[in-house]
């Protein structure tokens, strides 16, 4: 007997004990690991790293080899009818108006901007998961209210049915309660469907199935702690990854302006070449008469006129800097406005939650008194239905206000990149 109990206990442990509750942080981590959107931005960072390496390659020498085979209609004085040439060239740029330096700086700044873009994407994803999590919590509360409404109306209908059978109430009172009970059943089904829709939305955000029973919602057991507007504003300016990304973009565009100005400077390259020639297509069949050539060159170039293209290129690069600064100003203004509005919404949600909490107590007392009066024949079924409706409204207001509190708190958390 004890052995059977032991086996049953172990079976229960493995079936239920191994299933652990999922917290918001765990769901956010799953989303970060699973979503292809995050991997896309990681690939963008790899592309940025490749651009940096491309920029560094300008500081290294380049080597080229070429082979040319010629066929003439007849032998000439200086070359045979069939001849070939091989050339190897090693070149190194020693000056290009600092173009390579500034292009590399721009690539490095863009790489850092892509790092911040990845952080922004992860923060946005974590925020969307939090919104879905709060949404499910709210829909769960709404479902509970709908279940309570249906239970209350069903109990009143059963009581009314008994009272009607003995002639204590009229039939139209019984019918009114019956209609409201049917309506409550429909609201219950809609609430259940809305909860499942929110759960499906969460599954999409984390790209993984979610067991509703595994969600413990422990984050909502304690009231969130917030800061004042000045503290949030300072933290937002310090931590927001999209602000940092735009700072890097501005720095990169400024480097591109300096790189564009390099066209006003001369460029200097050192080139060394080796060129053997043959009197046939095969280089092995050499003629001592053709010989070979070794050459070392210093090549200095400077453009004198290109149809004013260089001026337009510089002007375009400067406008990119101006636009990036405008984007940064717009972003800061938008974030500042969002912060003020979110703090207002949070304050309203706190006050509504307190009012709704008191309304529930009053509505419950009102329903109790109305029930007694209805049984004594003082009030009608309409009064009972109104009392149930008032209680339902108060509970839903509390559920909505509580959800708004945490939804706005998570929005404040997103505004400061604190997920």
Protein backbone atom coordinates (compact mmCIF):
# COMPACT_ATOMS: atom_id res chain seq x y z
CA UNK A 1 0.00 0.00 0.00
CA UNK A 2 2.82 2.40 0.93
CA UNK A 3 4.61 1.48 -2.28
CA UNK A 4 1.51 2.35 -4.30
CA UNK A 5 1.28 5.71 -2.52
CA UNK A 6 4.95 6.34 -3.26
CA UNK A 7 4.51 5.55 -6.96
CA UNK A 8 1.43 7.79 -7.12
CA UNK A 9 3.31 10.61 -5.40
CA UNK A 10 6.24 10.36 -7.80
CA UNK A 11 3.88 10.30 -10.77
CA UNK A 12 2.15 13.45 -9.56
CA UNK A 13 5.54 15.11 -9.05
CA UNK A 14 6.73 14.37 -12.55
CA UNK A 15 3.43 15.37 -14.12
CA UNK A 16 2.86 18.58 -12.18
CA UNK A 17 5.88 19.31 -10.03
CA UNK A 18 8.19 19.80 -12.99
CA UNK A 19 5.90 22.38 -14.56
CA UNK A 20 7.00 25.72 -13.13
CA UNK A 21 5.17 29.01 -13.26
CA UNK A 22 6.29 31.48 -15.91
CA UNK A 23 7.06 35.04 -14.88
CA UNK A 24 7.11 38.13 -17.06
CA UNK A 25 10.91 38.18 -17.09
CA UNK A 26 11.01 34.58 -18.29
CA UNK A 27 8.52 35.30 -21.08
CA UNK A 28 10.57 38.32 -22.15
CA UNK A 29 13.72 36.22 -22.28
CA UNK A 30 11.98 33.58 -24.40
CA UNK A 31 10.87 36.29 -26.83
CA UNK A 32 14.42 37.65 -27.07
CA UNK A 33 15.77 34.20 -27.87
CA UNK A 34 13.03 33.11 -30.28
CA UNK A 35 11.97 36.09 -32.38
CA UNK A 36 13.54 36.28 -35.82
CA UNK A 37 13.21 40.06 -35.61
CA UNK A 38 16.00 40.11 -33.02
CA UNK A 39 18.16 37.86 -35.18
CA UNK A 40 17.63 40.23 -38.10
CA UNK A 41 19.14 43.10 -36.11
CA UNK A 42 21.99 40.85 -34.98
CA UNK A 43 22.68 40.21 -38.66
CA UNK A 44 22.68 43.96 -39.24
CA UNK A 45 25.41 44.24 -36.59
CA UNK A 46 27.43 41.58 -38.42
CA UNK A 47 27.01 43.62 -41.61
CA UNK A 48 28.23 46.67 -39.72
CA UNK A 49 31.29 44.73 -38.57
CA UNK A 50 31.95 43.82 -42.20
CA UNK A 51 31.74 47.51 -43.16
CA UNK A 52 34.30 48.34 -40.47
CA UNK A 53 36.65 45.69 -41.86
CA UNK A 54 36.11 47.11 -45.35
CA UNK A 55 37.09 50.53 -44.01
CA UNK A 56 40.24 49.09 -42.44
CA UNK A 57 41.23 47.46 -45.71
CA UNK A 58 42.01 50.92 -47.15
CA UNK A 59 45.05 51.08 -44.84
CA UNK A 60 46.52 47.89 -46.30
CA UNK A 61 48.39 47.48 -49.59
CA UNK A 62 46.66 45.97 -52.59
CA UNK A 63 48.15 43.39 -54.93
CA UNK A 64 47.00 42.60 -58.48
CA UNK A 65 48.14 40.18 -61.13
CA UNK A 66 47.20 40.16 -64.81
CA UNK A 67 47.93 38.03 -67.85
CA UNK A 68 47.49 39.22 -71.43
CA UNK A 69 47.73 37.00 -74.54
CA UNK A 70 47.97 38.69 -77.98
CA UNK A 71 47.61 37.26 -81.48
CA UNK A 72 48.52 39.39 -84.54
CA UNK A 73 48.02 38.72 -88.23
CA UNK A 74 51.82 38.63 -88.69
CA UNK A 75 55.05 39.14 -86.84
CA UNK A 76 56.03 42.73 -86.23
CA UNK A 77 59.33 44.44 -85.63
CA UNK A 78 58.89 44.57 -81.85
CA UNK A 79 56.59 41.65 -81.11
CA UNK A 80 55.84 38.21 -82.45
CA UNK A 81 52.53 37.21 -83.97
CA UNK A 82 51.80 35.30 -80.76
CA UNK A 83 52.96 36.88 -77.52
CA UNK A 84 51.94 37.21 -73.92
CA UNK A 85 52.63 39.36 -70.91
CA UNK A 86 52.28 38.84 -67.18
CA UNK A 87 52.19 41.68 -64.69
CA UNK A 88 52.21 41.84 -60.92
CA UNK A 89 51.43 45.18 -59.25
CA UNK A 90 51.76 46.05 -55.56
CA UNK A 91 50.35 49.45 -54.57
CA UNK A 92 49.94 51.35 -51.32
CA UNK A 93 48.11 54.61 -50.76
CA UNK A 94 50.08 57.00 -48.56
CA UNK A 95 47.68 59.94 -48.66
CA UNK A 96 44.09 60.48 -49.80
CA UNK A 97 43.05 63.67 -48.03
CA UNK A 98 42.21 61.65 -44.84
CA UNK A 99 39.29 60.06 -46.71
CA UNK A 100 40.07 56.55 -45.47
CA UNK A 101 40.36 57.73 -41.88
CA UNK A 102 36.96 59.42 -41.87
CA UNK A 103 35.27 56.60 -43.80
CA UNK A 104 36.51 54.16 -41.15
CA UNK A 105 35.25 56.46 -38.38
CA UNK A 106 31.85 56.62 -40.05
CA UNK A 107 31.69 52.81 -40.34
CA UNK A 108 32.60 52.43 -36.66
CA UNK A 109 29.92 54.94 -35.62
CA UNK A 110 27.30 53.16 -37.71
CA UNK A 111 28.34 49.86 -36.12
CA UNK A 112 27.73 51.38 -32.67
CA UNK A 113 24.40 52.77 -33.88
CA UNK A 114 23.41 49.25 -34.97
CA UNK A 115 24.31 47.97 -31.50
CA UNK A 116 21.91 50.51 -30.02
CA UNK A 117 19.28 49.60 -32.61
CA UNK A 118 19.46 46.02 -31.39
CA UNK A 119 19.02 47.20 -27.79
CA UNK A 120 16.01 49.28 -28.88
CA UNK A 121 14.47 46.30 -30.66
CA UNK A 122 14.90 44.10 -27.58
CA UNK A 123 13.41 46.81 -25.33
CA UNK A 124 10.44 47.20 -27.69
CA UNK A 125 9.91 43.44 -27.75
CA UNK A 126 10.11 43.16 -23.97
CA UNK A 127 7.61 46.01 -23.67
CA UNK A 128 5.14 44.34 -26.06
CA UNK A 129 5.41 41.13 -24.05
CA UNK A 130 4.69 43.11 -20.87
CA UNK A 131 1.66 44.75 -22.52
CA UNK A 132 0.29 41.34 -23.54
CA UNK A 133 1.00 39.99 -20.07
CA UNK A 134 -0.98 42.83 -18.44
CA UNK A 135 -3.69 42.39 -21.05
CA UNK A 136 -4.08 38.72 -20.15
CA UNK A 137 -4.16 39.62 -16.47
CA UNK A 138 -6.91 42.15 -17.16
CA UNK A 139 -8.88 39.75 -19.36
CA UNK A 140 -8.59 37.14 -16.63
CA UNK A 141 -10.10 39.63 -14.19
CA UNK A 142 -12.88 40.47 -16.65
CA UNK A 143 -13.60 36.77 -17.08
CA UNK A 144 -13.86 36.39 -13.30
CA UNK A 145 -16.31 39.29 -13.15
CA UNK A 146 -18.37 37.73 -15.95
CA UNK A 147 -18.39 34.41 -14.09
CA UNK A 148 -19.52 36.15 -10.90
CA UNK A 149 -22.27 37.98 -12.80
CA UNK A 150 -23.57 34.77 -14.29
CA UNK A 151 -23.44 33.00 -10.93
CA UNK A 152 -25.31 35.87 -9.22
CA UNK A 153 -28.02 35.97 -11.86
CA UNK A 154 -28.36 32.21 -11.94
CA UNK A 155 -28.83 32.16 -8.16
CA UNK A 156 -31.40 34.97 -8.37
CA UNK A 157 -33.22 33.19 -11.17
CA UNK A 158 -33.42 29.99 -9.17
CA UNK A 159 -34.73 31.91 -6.17
CA UNK A 160 -37.18 33.80 -8.37
CA UNK A 161 -38.36 30.55 -9.94
CA UNK A 162 -39.18 29.18 -6.51
CA UNK A 163 -40.98 32.37 -5.50
CA UNK A 164 -42.92 32.42 -8.78
CA UNK A 165 -44.03 28.82 -8.27
CA UNK A 166 -45.70 29.81 -5.02
CA UNK A 167 -47.13 33.01 -6.47
CA UNK A 168 -44.92 35.53 -4.61
CA UNK A 169 -43.68 37.33 -7.74
CA UNK A 170 -45.04 38.04 -11.18
CA UNK A 171 -43.97 36.18 -14.28
CA UNK A 172 -42.51 39.27 -15.95
CA UNK A 173 -40.05 39.63 -13.02
CA UNK A 174 -38.93 36.04 -13.60
CA UNK A 175 -38.58 36.68 -17.33
CA UNK A 176 -36.48 39.80 -16.76
CA UNK A 177 -34.02 37.87 -14.63
CA UNK A 178 -33.95 35.08 -17.19
CA UNK A 179 -33.13 37.49 -20.03
CA UNK A 180 -30.34 39.09 -17.99
CA UNK A 181 -28.97 35.66 -17.11
CA UNK A 182 -28.85 34.71 -20.79
CA UNK A 183 -27.10 37.98 -21.58
CA UNK A 184 -24.59 37.31 -18.79
CA UNK A 185 -23.89 33.89 -20.27
CA UNK A 186 -23.11 35.52 -23.63
CA UNK A 187 -20.81 38.05 -21.94
CA UNK A 188 -19.08 35.17 -20.21
CA UNK A 189 -18.39 33.45 -23.52
CA UNK A 190 -17.09 36.69 -25.05
CA UNK A 191 -14.83 37.28 -22.06
CA UNK A 192 -13.43 33.77 -22.39
CA UNK A 193 -12.79 34.32 -26.12
CA UNK A 194 -11.10 37.66 -25.45
CA UNK A 195 -8.81 35.99 -22.94
CA UNK A 196 -7.82 33.33 -25.47
CA UNK A 197 -7.17 36.01 -28.12
CA UNK A 198 -4.83 37.83 -25.76
CA UNK A 199 -3.08 34.56 -24.96
CA UNK A 200 -2.61 33.93 -28.69
CA UNK A 201 -1.14 37.41 -29.07
CA UNK A 202 1.36 36.64 -26.31
CA UNK A 203 2.29 33.38 -28.05
CA UNK A 204 3.04 35.39 -31.18
CA UNK A 205 5.19 37.89 -29.31
CA UNK A 206 7.39 35.20 -27.75
CA UNK A 207 7.13 32.82 -30.73
CA UNK A 208 6.35 29.94 -28.38
CA UNK A 209 3.29 28.23 -26.86
CA UNK A 210 2.09 29.54 -23.50
CA UNK A 211 0.27 27.55 -20.85
CA UNK A 212 -2.23 29.92 -19.27
CA UNK A 213 -2.18 27.93 -16.03
CA UNK A 214 1.60 28.45 -15.80
CA UNK A 215 1.23 32.24 -15.65
CA UNK A 216 1.40 33.20 -11.99
CA UNK A 217 1.10 37.01 -12.35
CA UNK A 218 3.20 37.43 -9.21
CA UNK A 219 4.40 40.81 -10.50
CA UNK A 220 0.98 42.25 -9.68
CA UNK A 221 1.10 41.26 -6.01
CA UNK A 222 3.06 44.38 -5.12
CA UNK A 223 2.36 47.95 -6.11
CA UNK A 224 4.89 49.43 -8.58
CA UNK A 225 7.28 52.12 -7.41
CA UNK A 226 7.62 55.15 -9.69
CA UNK A 227 9.78 58.28 -9.90
CA UNK A 228 8.93 61.90 -10.57
CA UNK A 229 9.08 63.48 -14.02
CA UNK A 230 12.54 65.01 -13.55
CA UNK A 231 14.04 61.67 -12.51
CA UNK A 232 12.40 59.86 -15.42
CA UNK A 233 13.54 62.55 -17.86
CA UNK A 234 17.15 62.36 -16.69
CA UNK A 235 17.16 58.58 -16.82
CA UNK A 236 15.55 58.63 -20.27
CA UNK A 237 18.24 60.95 -21.66
CA UNK A 238 20.92 58.78 -20.12
CA UNK A 239 19.70 55.33 -21.14
CA UNK A 240 17.50 55.49 -24.25
CA UNK A 241 19.21 53.40 -26.91
CA UNK A 242 17.47 55.18 -29.82
CA UNK A 243 18.87 58.52 -28.61
CA UNK A 244 22.34 56.99 -28.47
CA UNK A 245 21.84 55.45 -31.91
CA UNK A 246 20.99 58.85 -33.42
CA UNK A 247 24.03 60.38 -31.70
CA UNK A 248 26.16 57.78 -33.46
CA UNK A 249 24.43 58.44 -36.79
CA UNK A 250 25.15 62.16 -36.43
CA UNK A 251 28.81 61.43 -35.68
CA UNK A 252 28.99 59.11 -38.69
CA UNK A 253 27.42 61.74 -40.98
CA UNK A 254 29.89 64.35 -39.73
CA UNK A 255 32.74 61.97 -40.57
CA UNK A 256 31.27 61.48 -44.03
CA UNK A 257 31.33 65.26 -44.54
CA UNK A 258 35.05 65.29 -43.75
CA UNK A 259 35.56 62.30 -46.03
CA UNK A 260 33.76 64.12 -48.86
CA UNK A 261 36.11 67.10 -48.44
CA UNK A 262 39.06 64.83 -49.23
CA UNK A 263 38.46 65.44 -52.95
CA UNK A 264 40.09 68.86 -52.53
CA UNK A 265 43.37 67.18 -51.58
CA UNK A 266 45.76 65.29 -53.86
CA UNK A 267 46.14 61.54 -53.48
CA UNK A 268 49.52 59.79 -53.49
CA UNK A 269 50.20 56.11 -54.16
CA UNK A 270 53.38 54.06 -54.32
CA UNK A 271 53.27 51.28 -56.92
CA UNK A 272 55.74 48.53 -57.66
CA UNK A 273 55.30 46.31 -60.71
CA UNK A 274 57.00 43.31 -62.26
CA UNK A 275 56.37 42.48 -65.92
CA UNK A 276 57.93 39.57 -67.79
CA UNK A 277 57.01 39.02 -71.46
CA UNK A 278 57.07 35.97 -73.71
CA UNK A 279 57.09 35.38 -77.43
CA UNK A 280 54.34 32.79 -77.15
CA UNK A 281 51.13 32.22 -75.22
CA UNK A 282 53.04 30.23 -72.64
CA UNK A 283 55.19 32.33 -70.33
CA UNK A 284 57.69 29.51 -70.10
CA UNK A 285 58.86 30.09 -73.67
CA UNK A 286 60.70 33.32 -73.01
CA UNK A 287 62.88 35.25 -75.39
CA UNK A 288 65.88 36.94 -73.91
CA UNK A 289 65.34 39.78 -76.32
CA UNK A 290 62.00 40.79 -74.79
CA UNK A 291 63.44 40.82 -71.28
CA UNK A 292 61.50 41.75 -68.18
CA UNK A 293 60.60 44.96 -66.42
CA UNK A 294 60.73 46.05 -62.78
CA UNK A 295 59.22 49.43 -62.01
CA UNK A 296 58.67 51.55 -58.87
CA UNK A 297 56.34 54.55 -59.19
CA UNK A 298 55.05 57.41 -57.11
CA UNK A 299 51.67 58.43 -58.48
CA UNK A 300 50.18 61.75 -57.38
CA UNK A 301 46.69 62.70 -58.58
CA UNK A 302 44.47 65.70 -58.00
CA UNK A 303 41.15 66.49 -59.58
CA UNK A 304 40.87 70.02 -60.96
CA UNK A 305 37.28 69.97 -62.21
CA UNK A 306 34.50 67.37 -62.11
CA UNK A 307 31.46 69.41 -63.10
CA UNK A 308 30.90 70.72 -59.53
CA UNK A 309 30.12 67.20 -58.34
CA UNK A 310 32.37 67.50 -55.29
CA UNK A 311 30.48 70.57 -54.05
CA UNK A 312 27.11 68.83 -54.35
CA UNK A 313 28.51 65.74 -52.65
CA UNK A 314 29.64 67.81 -49.67
CA UNK A 315 26.37 69.73 -49.51
CA UNK A 316 24.43 66.46 -49.55
CA UNK A 317 26.58 65.05 -46.74
CA UNK A 318 25.99 68.18 -44.64
CA UNK A 319 22.24 67.93 -45.17
CA UNK A 320 22.36 64.36 -43.85
CA UNK A 321 23.86 65.74 -40.63
CA UNK A 322 21.13 68.38 -40.38
CA UNK A 323 18.39 65.79 -40.95
CA UNK A 324 19.85 63.46 -38.34
CA UNK A 325 19.88 66.29 -35.80
CA UNK A 326 16.28 67.10 -36.66
CA UNK A 327 15.40 63.43 -36.09
CA UNK A 328 17.10 63.55 -32.70
CA UNK A 329 15.21 66.72 -31.70
CA UNK A 330 11.91 65.19 -32.81
CA UNK A 331 12.63 61.99 -30.90
CA UNK A 332 13.46 63.84 -27.68
CA UNK A 333 10.32 65.95 -28.02
CA UNK A 334 8.16 62.88 -28.64
CA UNK A 335 9.65 61.02 -25.68
CA UNK A 336 9.19 64.03 -23.41
CA UNK A 337 5.53 64.31 -24.40
CA UNK A 338 4.99 60.56 -23.98
CA UNK A 339 6.54 60.76 -20.51
CA UNK A 340 4.25 63.57 -19.38
CA UNK A 341 1.13 61.88 -20.76
CA UNK A 342 2.04 58.49 -19.31
CA UNK A 343 2.59 59.99 -15.86
CA UNK A 344 -0.84 61.64 -16.13
CA UNK A 345 -2.44 58.35 -17.19
CA UNK A 346 -0.69 56.53 -14.35
CA UNK A 347 -1.95 59.07 -11.80
CA UNK A 348 -5.50 58.79 -13.15
CA UNK A 349 -5.34 54.98 -13.05
CA UNK A 350 -4.22 55.08 -9.39
CA UNK A 351 -7.12 57.35 -8.46
CA UNK A 352 -9.63 55.30 -10.45
CA UNK A 353 -8.42 52.14 -8.76
CA UNK A 354 -9.03 53.64 -5.32
CA UNK A 355 -12.49 54.90 -6.31
CA UNK A 356 -13.42 51.56 -7.89
CA UNK A 357 -12.31 49.69 -4.79
CA UNK A 358 -14.67 51.75 -2.63
CA UNK A 359 -17.44 51.39 -5.20
CA UNK A 360 -17.26 47.61 -4.97
CA UNK A 361 -17.91 47.73 -1.22
CA UNK A 362 -20.86 50.06 -1.71
CA UNK A 363 -22.28 48.04 -4.62
CA UNK A 364 -22.06 44.80 -2.62
CA UNK A 365 -23.93 46.43 0.26
CA UNK A 366 -26.50 47.84 -2.15
CA UNK A 367 -27.07 44.36 -3.62
CA UNK A 368 -27.47 42.87 -0.15
CA UNK A 369 -30.09 45.44 0.84
CA UNK A 370 -31.90 45.14 -2.50
CA UNK A 371 -32.06 41.34 -2.16
CA UNK A 372 -33.68 41.69 1.25
CA UNK A 373 -36.15 44.29 -0.01
CA UNK A 374 -37.00 42.11 -3.03
CA UNK A 375 -37.73 39.12 -0.82
CA UNK A 376 -39.98 41.31 1.31
CA UNK A 377 -41.78 42.49 -1.80
CA UNK A 378 -40.67 46.11 -1.40
CA UNK A 379 -38.51 46.23 -4.55
CA UNK A 380 -38.85 44.62 -7.96
CA UNK A 381 -36.68 42.33 -10.04
CA UNK A 382 -35.55 45.39 -12.00
CA UNK A 383 -34.04 46.81 -8.82
CA UNK A 384 -32.16 43.54 -8.23
CA UNK A 385 -30.86 43.51 -11.79
CA UNK A 386 -29.76 47.13 -11.45
CA UNK A 387 -27.91 46.29 -8.22
CA UNK A 388 -26.12 43.40 -9.91
CA UNK A 389 -25.27 45.66 -12.84
CA UNK A 390 -23.82 48.30 -10.49
CA UNK A 391 -21.66 45.69 -8.79
CA UNK A 392 -20.48 44.33 -12.13
CA UNK A 393 -19.60 47.82 -13.33
CA UNK A 394 -17.65 48.57 -10.14
CA UNK A 395 -15.68 45.31 -10.44
CA UNK A 396 -14.90 45.93 -14.11
CA UNK A 397 -13.80 49.47 -13.31
CA UNK A 398 -11.44 48.09 -10.70
CA UNK A 399 -10.07 45.48 -13.10
CA UNK A 400 -9.52 48.09 -15.82
CA UNK A 401 -7.94 50.59 -13.43
CA UNK A 402 -5.59 47.98 -12.00
CA UNK A 403 -4.56 46.92 -15.51
CA UNK A 404 -4.03 50.56 -16.49
CA UNK A 405 -1.77 51.08 -13.47
CA UNK A 406 0.61 48.32 -14.53
CA UNK A 407 0.30 49.06 -18.25
CA UNK A 408 1.38 52.65 -17.65
CA UNK A 409 4.11 51.54 -15.25
CA UNK A 410 5.56 49.26 -17.94
CA UNK A 411 5.34 52.10 -20.44
CA UNK A 412 7.37 54.25 -18.04
CA UNK A 413 9.83 51.38 -17.77
CA UNK A 414 10.11 51.26 -21.57
CA UNK A 415 10.63 55.03 -21.78
CA UNK A 416 13.77 54.63 -19.67
CA UNK A 417 15.01 51.41 -21.34
CA UNK A 418 14.79 49.58 -18.00
CA UNK A 419 13.43 46.24 -19.18
